[in-house]
């Protein structure tokens, strides 16, 4: 789906810091940063990614921190009435 359409539907730029246990050294934590447009507050894209992680990857999840911010609000998005090109 087009990103502009997602923004109009309320999707926001979402960043998650995922800490997980390294598969070979369970006492060590590794960080992974995930960023995508997602729908707050339920975050279906992030939840789907975390479910995929738990099913298919060896590193056991430790914690997830989520930050979400609207890039463009509906009142900021307007159509231009005129377009000019200058040389």
PDB file of N, CA and C in Angstrom:
ATOM      1  N   UNK A   1       0.843  -1.182   0.000  1.00  0.00           N
ATOM      2  CA  UNK A   1       0.000   0.000   0.000  1.00  0.00           C
ATOM      3  C   UNK A   1       0.887   1.244   0.000  1.00  0.00           C
ATOM      4  N   UNK A   2       0.438   2.282  -0.658  1.00  0.00           N
ATOM      5  CA  UNK A   2       1.158   3.545  -0.764  1.00  0.00           C
ATOM      6  C   UNK A   2       1.342   4.181   0.619  1.00  0.00           C
ATOM      7  N   UNK A   3       2.551   4.678   0.910  1.00  0.00           N
ATOM      8  CA  UNK A   3       2.840   5.268   2.222  1.00  0.00           C
ATOM      9  C   UNK A   3       1.966   6.477   2.529  1.00  0.00           C
ATOM     10  N   UNK A   4       1.683   7.309   1.537  1.00  0.00           N
ATOM     11  CA  UNK A   4       0.818   8.476   1.775  1.00  0.00           C
ATOM     12  C   UNK A   4      -0.579   8.026   2.201  1.00  0.00           C
ATOM     13  N   UNK A   5      -1.057   6.984   1.592  1.00  0.00           N
ATOM     14  CA  UNK A   5      -2.378   6.458   1.983  1.00  0.00           C
ATOM     15  C   UNK A   5      -2.335   5.916   3.409  1.00  0.00           C
ATOM     16  N   UNK A   6      -1.267   5.243   3.775  1.00  0.00           N
ATOM     17  CA  UNK A   6      -1.138   4.745   5.151  1.00  0.00           C
ATOM     18  C   UNK A   6      -1.148   5.897   6.149  1.00  0.00           C
ATOM     19  N   UNK A   7      -0.441   6.994   5.831  1.00  0.00           N
ATOM     20  CA  UNK A   7      -0.419   8.157   6.733  1.00  0.00           C
ATOM     21  C   UNK A   7      -1.824   8.715   6.911  1.00  0.00           C
ATOM     22  N   UNK A   8      -2.575   8.787   5.815  1.00  0.00           N
ATOM     23  CA  UNK A   8      -3.949   9.307   5.904  1.00  0.00           C
ATOM     24  C   UNK A   8      -4.830   8.382   6.733  1.00  0.00           C
ATOM     25  N   UNK A   9      -4.524   7.104   6.756  1.00  0.00           N
ATOM     26  CA  UNK A   9      -5.302   6.142   7.545  1.00  0.00           C
ATOM     27  C   UNK A   9      -4.894   6.111   9.009  1.00  0.00           C
ATOM     28  N   UNK A  10      -3.884   6.903   9.391  1.00  0.00           N
ATOM     29  CA  UNK A  10      -3.488   6.984  10.790  1.00  0.00           C
ATOM     30  C   UNK A  10      -2.230   6.216  11.149  1.00  0.00           C
ATOM     31  N   UNK A  11      -1.568   5.633  10.164  1.00  0.00           N
ATOM     32  CA  UNK A  11      -0.321   4.925  10.458  1.00  0.00           C
ATOM     33  C   UNK A  11       0.750   5.936  10.846  1.00  0.00           C
ATOM     34  N   UNK A  12       1.652   5.522  11.722  1.00  0.00           N
ATOM     35  CA  UNK A  12       2.715   6.393  12.220  1.00  0.00           C
ATOM     36  C   UNK A  12       4.056   5.704  12.062  1.00  0.00           C
ATOM     37  N   UNK A  13       5.096   6.515  12.015  1.00  0.00           N
ATOM     38  CA  UNK A  13       6.434   5.947  12.011  1.00  0.00           C
ATOM     39  C   UNK A  13       6.670   5.335  13.393  1.00  0.00           C
ATOM     40  N   UNK A  14       6.961   4.066  13.429  1.00  0.00           N
ATOM     41  CA  UNK A  14       7.136   3.340  14.682  1.00  0.00           C
ATOM     42  C   UNK A  14       8.536   2.744  14.712  1.00  0.00           C
ATOM     43  N   UNK A  15       9.218   2.961  15.815  1.00  0.00           N
ATOM     44  CA  UNK A  15      10.552   2.420  16.018  1.00  0.00           C
ATOM     45  C   UNK A  15      10.528   1.549  17.264  1.00  0.00           C
ATOM     46  N   UNK A  16      11.089   0.360  17.160  1.00  0.00           N
ATOM     47  CA  UNK A  16      11.156  -0.545  18.296  1.00  0.00           C
ATOM     48  C   UNK A  16      12.604  -0.958  18.531  1.00  0.00           C
ATOM     49  N   UNK A  17      13.045  -0.851  19.784  1.00  0.00           N
ATOM     50  CA  UNK A  17      14.345  -1.382  20.175  1.00  0.00           C
ATOM     51  C   UNK A  17      14.075  -2.740  20.797  1.00  0.00           C
ATOM     52  N   UNK A  18      14.562  -3.772  20.140  1.00  0.00           N
ATOM     53  CA  UNK A  18      14.320  -5.146  20.569  1.00  0.00           C
ATOM     54  C   UNK A  18      15.609  -5.691  21.171  1.00  0.00           C
ATOM     55  N   UNK A  19      15.543  -6.057  22.443  1.00  0.00           N
ATOM     56  CA  UNK A  19      16.683  -6.708  23.087  1.00  0.00           C
ATOM     57  C   UNK A  19      16.404  -8.204  23.113  1.00  0.00           C
ATOM     58  N   UNK A  20      17.407  -8.986  22.721  1.00  0.00           N
ATOM     59  CA  UNK A  20      17.229 -10.441  22.704  1.00  0.00           C
ATOM     60  C   UNK A  20      18.498 -11.113  23.210  1.00  0.00           C
ATOM     61  N   UNK A  21      18.321 -12.339  23.701  1.00  0.00           N
ATOM     62  CA  UNK A  21      19.441 -13.134  24.199  1.00  0.00           C
ATOM     63  C   UNK A  21      20.163 -13.753  23.002  1.00  0.00           C
ATOM     64  N   UNK A  22      21.466 -13.621  22.969  1.00  0.00           N
ATOM     65  CA  UNK A  22      22.231 -14.226  21.884  1.00  0.00           C
ATOM     66  C   UNK A  22      22.095 -15.746  21.966  1.00  0.00           C
ATOM     67  N   UNK A  23      21.840 -16.409  20.850  1.00  0.00           N
ATOM     68  CA  UNK A  23      21.602 -17.863  20.867  1.00  0.00           C
ATOM     69  C   UNK A  23      22.751 -18.670  21.479  1.00  0.00           C
ATOM     70  N   UNK A  24      23.999 -18.310  21.171  1.00  0.00           N
ATOM     71  CA  UNK A  24      25.142 -19.083  21.662  1.00  0.00           C
ATOM     72  C   UNK A  24      25.611 -18.659  23.049  1.00  0.00           C
ATOM     73  N   UNK A  25      25.203 -17.475  23.501  1.00  0.00           N
ATOM     74  CA  UNK A  25      25.607 -16.938  24.808  1.00  0.00           C
ATOM     75  C   UNK A  25      24.385 -16.300  25.451  1.00  0.00           C
ATOM     76  N   UNK A  26      23.528 -17.117  26.063  1.00  0.00           N
ATOM     77  CA  UNK A  26      22.231 -16.661  26.573  1.00  0.00           C
ATOM     78  C   UNK A  26      22.353 -15.555  27.624  1.00  0.00           C
ATOM     79  N   UNK A  27      23.508 -15.408  28.242  1.00  0.00           N
ATOM     80  CA  UNK A  27      23.696 -14.363  29.236  1.00  0.00           C
ATOM     81  C   UNK A  27      23.970 -12.998  28.638  1.00  0.00           C
ATOM     82  N   UNK A  28      24.211 -12.926  27.326  1.00  0.00           N
ATOM     83  CA  UNK A  28      24.488 -11.659  26.654  1.00  0.00           C
ATOM     84  C   UNK A  28      23.260 -11.186  25.878  1.00  0.00           C
ATOM     85  N   UNK A  29      23.018  -9.878  25.916  1.00  0.00           N
ATOM     86  CA  UNK A  29      21.912  -9.311  25.164  1.00  0.00           C
ATOM     87  C   UNK A  29      22.440  -8.582  23.936  1.00  0.00           C
ATOM     88  N   UNK A  30      21.682  -8.668  22.867  1.00  0.00           N
ATOM     89  CA  UNK A  30      21.986  -7.972  21.615  1.00  0.00           C
ATOM     90  C   UNK A  30      20.805  -7.072  21.307  1.00  0.00           C
ATOM     91  N   UNK A  31      21.047  -5.918  20.699  1.00  0.00           N
ATOM     92  CA  UNK A  31      19.975  -4.995  20.331  1.00  0.00           C
ATOM     93  C   UNK A  31      19.697  -5.062  18.837  1.00  0.00           C
ATOM     94  N   UNK A  32      18.426  -4.952  18.483  1.00  0.00           N
ATOM     95  CA  UNK A  32      17.987  -4.900  17.092  1.00  0.00           C
ATOM     96  C   UNK A  32      16.982  -3.749  16.991  1.00  0.00           C
ATOM     97  N   UNK A  33      17.144  -2.869  15.999  1.00  0.00           N
ATOM     98  CA  UNK A  33      16.227  -1.753  15.803  1.00  0.00           C
ATOM     99  C   UNK A  33      15.320  -2.070  14.617  1.00  0.00           C
ATOM    100  N   UNK A  34      14.022  -2.009  14.855  1.00  0.00           N
ATOM    101  CA  UNK A  34      13.001  -2.250  13.827  1.00  0.00           C
ATOM    102  C   UNK A  34      12.262  -0.944  13.604  1.00  0.00           C
ATOM    103  N   UNK A  35      12.024  -0.554  12.328  1.00  0.00           N
ATOM    104  CA  UNK A  35      11.312   0.683  12.042  1.00  0.00           C
ATOM    105  C   UNK A  35      10.411   0.477  10.840  1.00  0.00           C
ATOM    106  N   UNK A  36       9.151   0.873  11.010  1.00  0.00           N
ATOM    107  CA  UNK A  36       8.158   0.689   9.952  1.00  0.00           C
ATOM    108  C   UNK A  36       6.956   1.574  10.252  1.00  0.00           C
ATOM    109  N   UNK A  37       6.105   1.799   9.259  1.00  0.00           N
ATOM    110  CA  UNK A  37       4.838   2.475   9.512  1.00  0.00           C
ATOM    111  C   UNK A  37       3.900   1.470  10.167  1.00  0.00           C
ATOM    112  N   UNK A  38       3.273   1.876  11.268  1.00  0.00           N
ATOM    113  CA  UNK A  38       2.398   0.967  12.003  1.00  0.00           C
ATOM    114  C   UNK A  38       1.245   1.758  12.596  1.00  0.00           C
ATOM    115  N   UNK A  39       0.221   1.065  12.999  1.00  0.00           N
ATOM    116  CA  UNK A  39      -1.005   1.675  13.484  1.00  0.00           C
ATOM    117  C   UNK A  39      -1.053   1.610  15.012  1.00  0.00           C
ATOM    118  N   UNK A  40      -0.830   2.774  15.661  1.00  0.00           N
ATOM    119  CA  UNK A  40      -0.862   2.838  17.122  1.00  0.00           C
ATOM    120  C   UNK A  40      -2.319   2.835  17.584  1.00  0.00           C
ATOM    121  N   UNK A  41      -2.661   2.314  18.738  1.00  0.00           N
ATOM    122  CA  UNK A  41      -1.788   1.752  19.773  1.00  0.00           C
ATOM    123  C   UNK A  41      -1.653   0.234  19.709  1.00  0.00           C
ATOM    124  N   UNK A  42      -2.304  -0.416  18.735  1.00  0.00           N
ATOM    125  CA  UNK A  42      -2.267  -1.887  18.698  1.00  0.00           C
ATOM    126  C   UNK A  42      -1.017  -2.431  18.019  1.00  0.00           C
ATOM    127  N   UNK A  43      -0.404  -1.671  17.135  1.00  0.00           N
ATOM    128  CA  UNK A  43       0.836  -2.030  16.441  1.00  0.00           C
ATOM    129  C   UNK A  43       0.777  -3.412  15.783  1.00  0.00           C
ATOM    130  N   UNK A  44      -0.130  -3.622  14.816  1.00  0.00           N
ATOM    131  CA  UNK A  44      -0.243  -4.939  14.185  1.00  0.00           C
ATOM    132  C   UNK A  44       1.005  -5.368  13.410  1.00  0.00           C
ATOM    133  N   UNK A  45       1.709  -4.426  12.771  1.00  0.00           N
ATOM    134  CA  UNK A  45       2.919  -4.786  12.025  1.00  0.00           C
ATOM    135  C   UNK A  45       4.017  -5.265  12.981  1.00  0.00           C
ATOM    136  N   UNK A  46       4.220  -4.540  14.059  1.00  0.00           N
ATOM    137  CA  UNK A  46       5.230  -4.921  15.046  1.00  0.00           C
ATOM    138  C   UNK A  46       4.873  -6.252  15.690  1.00  0.00           C
ATOM    139  N   UNK A  47       3.622  -6.426  16.058  1.00  0.00           N
ATOM    140  CA  UNK A  47       3.201  -7.706  16.661  1.00  0.00           C
ATOM    141  C   UNK A  47       3.456  -8.873  15.707  1.00  0.00           C
ATOM    142  N   UNK A  48       3.137  -8.663  14.434  1.00  0.00           N
ATOM    143  CA  UNK A  48       3.389  -9.716  13.445  1.00  0.00           C
ATOM    144  C   UNK A  48       4.867 -10.029  13.324  1.00  0.00           C
ATOM    145  N   UNK A  49       5.709  -8.983  13.336  1.00  0.00           N
ATOM    146  CA  UNK A  49       7.147  -9.200  13.273  1.00  0.00           C
ATOM    147  C   UNK A  49       7.648  -9.970  14.491  1.00  0.00           C
ATOM    148  N   UNK A  50       7.166  -9.604  15.677  1.00  0.00           N
ATOM    149  CA  UNK A  50       7.602 -10.293  16.898  1.00  0.00           C
ATOM    150  C   UNK A  50       7.125 -11.747  16.924  1.00  0.00           C
ATOM    151  N   UNK A  51       5.929 -12.001  16.409  1.00  0.00           N
ATOM    152  CA  UNK A  51       5.455 -13.385  16.311  1.00  0.00           C
ATOM    153  C   UNK A  51       6.335 -14.187  15.352  1.00  0.00           C
ATOM    154  N   UNK A  52       6.689 -13.579  14.225  1.00  0.00           N
ATOM    155  CA  UNK A  52       7.603 -14.232  13.286  1.00  0.00           C
ATOM    156  C   UNK A  52       8.933 -14.540  13.972  1.00  0.00           C
ATOM    157  N   UNK A  53       9.442 -13.556  14.717  1.00  0.00           N
ATOM    158  CA  UNK A  53      10.716 -13.721  15.429  1.00  0.00           C
ATOM    159  C   UNK A  53      10.645 -14.942  16.350  1.00  0.00           C
ATOM    160  N   UNK A  54       9.604 -14.996  17.181  1.00  0.00           N
ATOM    161  CA  UNK A  54       9.495 -16.090  18.152  1.00  0.00           C
ATOM    162  C   UNK A  54       9.348 -17.451  17.475  1.00  0.00           C
ATOM    163  N   UNK A  55       8.706 -17.506  16.319  1.00  0.00           N
ATOM    164  CA  UNK A  55       8.518 -18.778  15.611  1.00  0.00           C
ATOM    165  C   UNK A  55       9.771 -19.234  14.866  1.00  0.00           C
ATOM    166  N   UNK A  56      10.547 -18.272  14.319  1.00  0.00           N
ATOM    167  CA  UNK A  56      11.595 -18.648  13.359  1.00  0.00           C
ATOM    168  C   UNK A  56      13.031 -18.342  13.754  1.00  0.00           C
ATOM    169  N   UNK A  57      13.253 -17.503  14.760  1.00  0.00           N
ATOM    170  CA  UNK A  57      14.621 -17.127  15.116  1.00  0.00           C
ATOM    171  C   UNK A  57      15.017 -17.730  16.456  1.00  0.00           C
ATOM    172  N   UNK A  58      16.322 -17.970  16.629  1.00  0.00           N
ATOM    173  CA  UNK A  58      16.808 -18.630  17.837  1.00  0.00           C
ATOM    174  C   UNK A  58      16.954 -17.696  19.034  1.00  0.00           C
ATOM    175  N   UNK A  59      17.190 -16.422  18.807  1.00  0.00           N
ATOM    176  CA  UNK A  59      17.413 -15.486  19.909  1.00  0.00           C
ATOM    177  C   UNK A  59      16.130 -15.205  20.676  1.00  0.00           C
ATOM    178  N   UNK A  60      16.062 -15.640  21.946  1.00  0.00           N
ATOM    179  CA  UNK A  60      14.873 -15.427  22.772  1.00  0.00           C
ATOM    180  C   UNK A  60      14.716 -13.946  23.108  1.00  0.00           C
ATOM    181  N   UNK A  61      13.514 -13.412  22.963  1.00  0.00           N
ATOM    182  CA  UNK A  61      13.259 -12.001  23.230  1.00  0.00           C
ATOM    183  C   UNK A  61      13.415 -11.689  24.714  1.00  0.00           C
ATOM    184  N   UNK A  62      14.023 -10.559  25.011  1.00  0.00           N
ATOM    185  CA  UNK A  62      14.166 -10.082  26.380  1.00  0.00           C
ATOM    186  C   UNK A  62      13.184  -8.946  26.649  1.00  0.00           C
ATOM    187  N   UNK A  63      13.219  -7.901  25.804  1.00  0.00           N
ATOM    188  CA  UNK A  63      12.320  -6.760  25.989  1.00  0.00           C
ATOM    189  C   UNK A  63      12.190  -5.988  24.678  1.00  0.00           C
ATOM    190  N   UNK A  64      11.121  -5.191  24.603  1.00  0.00           N
ATOM    191  CA  UNK A  64      10.861  -4.366  23.425  1.00  0.00           C
ATOM    192  C   UNK A  64      10.433  -2.988  23.910  1.00  0.00           C
ATOM    193  N   UNK A  65      11.117  -1.933  23.444  1.00  0.00           N
ATOM    194  CA  UNK A  65      10.729  -0.542  23.710  1.00  0.00           C
ATOM    195  C   UNK A  65      10.206   0.034  22.411  1.00  0.00           C
ATOM    196  N   UNK A  66       9.052   0.697  22.488  1.00  0.00           N
ATOM    197  CA  UNK A  66       8.396   1.211  21.281  1.00  0.00           C
ATOM    198  C   UNK A  66       8.234   2.722  21.367  1.00  0.00           C
ATOM    199  N   UNK A  67       8.545   3.405  20.267  1.00  0.00           N
ATOM    200  CA  UNK A  67       8.293   4.844  20.129  1.00  0.00           C
ATOM    201  C   UNK A  67       7.529   5.037  18.821  1.00  0.00           C
ATOM    202  N   UNK A  68       6.523   5.908  18.846  1.00  0.00           N
ATOM    203  CA  UNK A  68       5.708   6.121  17.669  1.00  0.00           C
ATOM    204  C   UNK A  68       5.405   7.604  17.527  1.00  0.00           C
ATOM    205  N   UNK A  69       5.465   8.100  16.293  1.00  0.00           N
ATOM    206  CA  UNK A  69       5.224   9.516  16.055  1.00  0.00           C
ATOM    207  C   UNK A  69       4.545   9.710  14.709  1.00  0.00           C
ATOM    208  N   UNK A  70       3.547  10.579  14.694  1.00  0.00           N
ATOM    209  CA  UNK A  70       2.885  10.912  13.437  1.00  0.00           C
ATOM    210  C   UNK A  70       3.803  11.823  12.625  1.00  0.00           C
ATOM    211  N   UNK A  71       4.073  11.464  11.396  1.00  0.00           N
ATOM    212  CA  UNK A  71       4.910  12.292  10.532  1.00  0.00           C
ATOM    213  C   UNK A  71       4.098  13.413   9.907  1.00  0.00           C
ATOM    214  N   UNK A  72       2.948  13.056   9.410  1.00  0.00           N
ATOM    215  CA  UNK A  72       2.062  14.024   8.761  1.00  0.00           C
ATOM    216  C   UNK A  72       0.669  13.816   9.333  1.00  0.00           C
ATOM    217  N   UNK A  73       0.064  14.868   9.817  1.00  0.00           N
ATOM    218  CA  UNK A  73      -1.308  14.761  10.294  1.00  0.00           C
ATOM    219  C   UNK A  73      -2.252  15.157   9.161  1.00  0.00           C
ATOM    220  N   UNK A  74      -3.493  14.702   9.197  1.00  0.00           N
ATOM    221  CA  UNK A  74      -4.417  14.998   8.089  1.00  0.00           C
ATOM    222  C   UNK A  74      -4.546  16.491   7.789  1.00  0.00           C
ATOM    223  N   UNK A  75      -4.518  17.356   8.800  1.00  0.00           N
ATOM    224  CA  UNK A  75      -4.672  18.788   8.541  1.00  0.00           C
ATOM    225  C   UNK A  75      -3.434  19.394   7.873  1.00  0.00           C
ATOM    226  N   UNK A  76      -2.281  18.703   7.923  1.00  0.00           N
ATOM    227  CA  UNK A  76      -1.059  19.193   7.278  1.00  0.00           C
ATOM    228  C   UNK A  76      -0.965  18.747   5.829  1.00  0.00           C
ATOM    229  N   UNK A  77      -1.750  17.778   5.422  1.00  0.00           N
ATOM    230  CA  UNK A  77      -1.688  17.215   4.083  1.00  0.00           C
ATOM    231  C   UNK A  77      -2.768  17.864   3.225  1.00  0.00           C
ATOM    232  N   UNK A  78      -2.355  18.656   2.239  1.00  0.00           N
ATOM    233  CA  UNK A  78      -3.297  19.308   1.337  1.00  0.00           C
ATOM    234  C   UNK A  78      -2.819  19.143  -0.102  1.00  0.00           C
ATOM    235  N   UNK A  79      -3.726  19.331  -1.021  1.00  0.00           N
ATOM    236  CA  UNK A  79      -3.385  19.267  -2.442  1.00  0.00           C
ATOM    237  C   UNK A  79      -2.979  20.664  -2.919  1.00  0.00           C
ATOM    238  N   UNK A  80      -1.991  20.715  -3.779  1.00  0.00           N
ATOM    239  CA  UNK A  80      -1.554  22.000  -4.337  1.00  0.00           C
ATOM    240  C   UNK A  80      -2.547  22.448  -5.403  1.00  0.00           C
ATOM    241  N   UNK A  81      -2.864  23.739  -5.392  1.00  0.00           N
ATOM    242  CA  UNK A  81      -3.752  24.301  -6.404  1.00  0.00           C
ATOM    243  C   UNK A  81      -2.992  24.672  -7.682  1.00  0.00           C
ATOM    244  N   UNK A  82      -1.689  24.891  -7.537  1.00  0.00           N
ATOM    245  CA  UNK A  82      -0.900  25.377  -8.651  1.00  0.00           C
ATOM    246  C   UNK A  82       0.513  24.813  -8.545  1.00  0.00           C
ATOM    247  N   UNK A  83       1.090  24.455  -9.667  1.00  0.00           N
ATOM    248  CA  UNK A  83       2.447  23.963  -9.704  1.00  0.00           C
ATOM    249  C   UNK A  83       3.222  24.749 -10.767  1.00  0.00           C
ATOM    250  N   UNK A  84       4.345  25.326 -10.413  1.00  0.00           N
ATOM    251  CA  UNK A  84       5.169  26.091 -11.338  1.00  0.00           C
ATOM    252  C   UNK A  84       6.558  25.477 -11.433  1.00  0.00           C
ATOM    253  N   UNK A  85       7.146  25.550 -12.619  1.00  0.00           N
ATOM    254  CA  UNK A  85       8.512  25.097 -12.824  1.00  0.00           C
ATOM    255  C   UNK A  85       9.343  26.271 -13.293  1.00  0.00           C
ATOM    256  N   UNK A  86      10.419  26.580 -12.595  1.00  0.00           N
ATOM    257  CA  UNK A  86      11.308  27.678 -12.965  1.00  0.00           C
ATOM    258  C   UNK A  86      12.623  27.108 -13.468  1.00  0.00           C
ATOM    259  N   UNK A  87      13.158  27.746 -14.505  1.00  0.00           N
ATOM    260  CA  UNK A  87      14.434  27.292 -15.056  1.00  0.00           C
ATOM    261  C   UNK A  87      15.528  28.240 -14.642  1.00  0.00           C
TER     262      UNK A  87
END
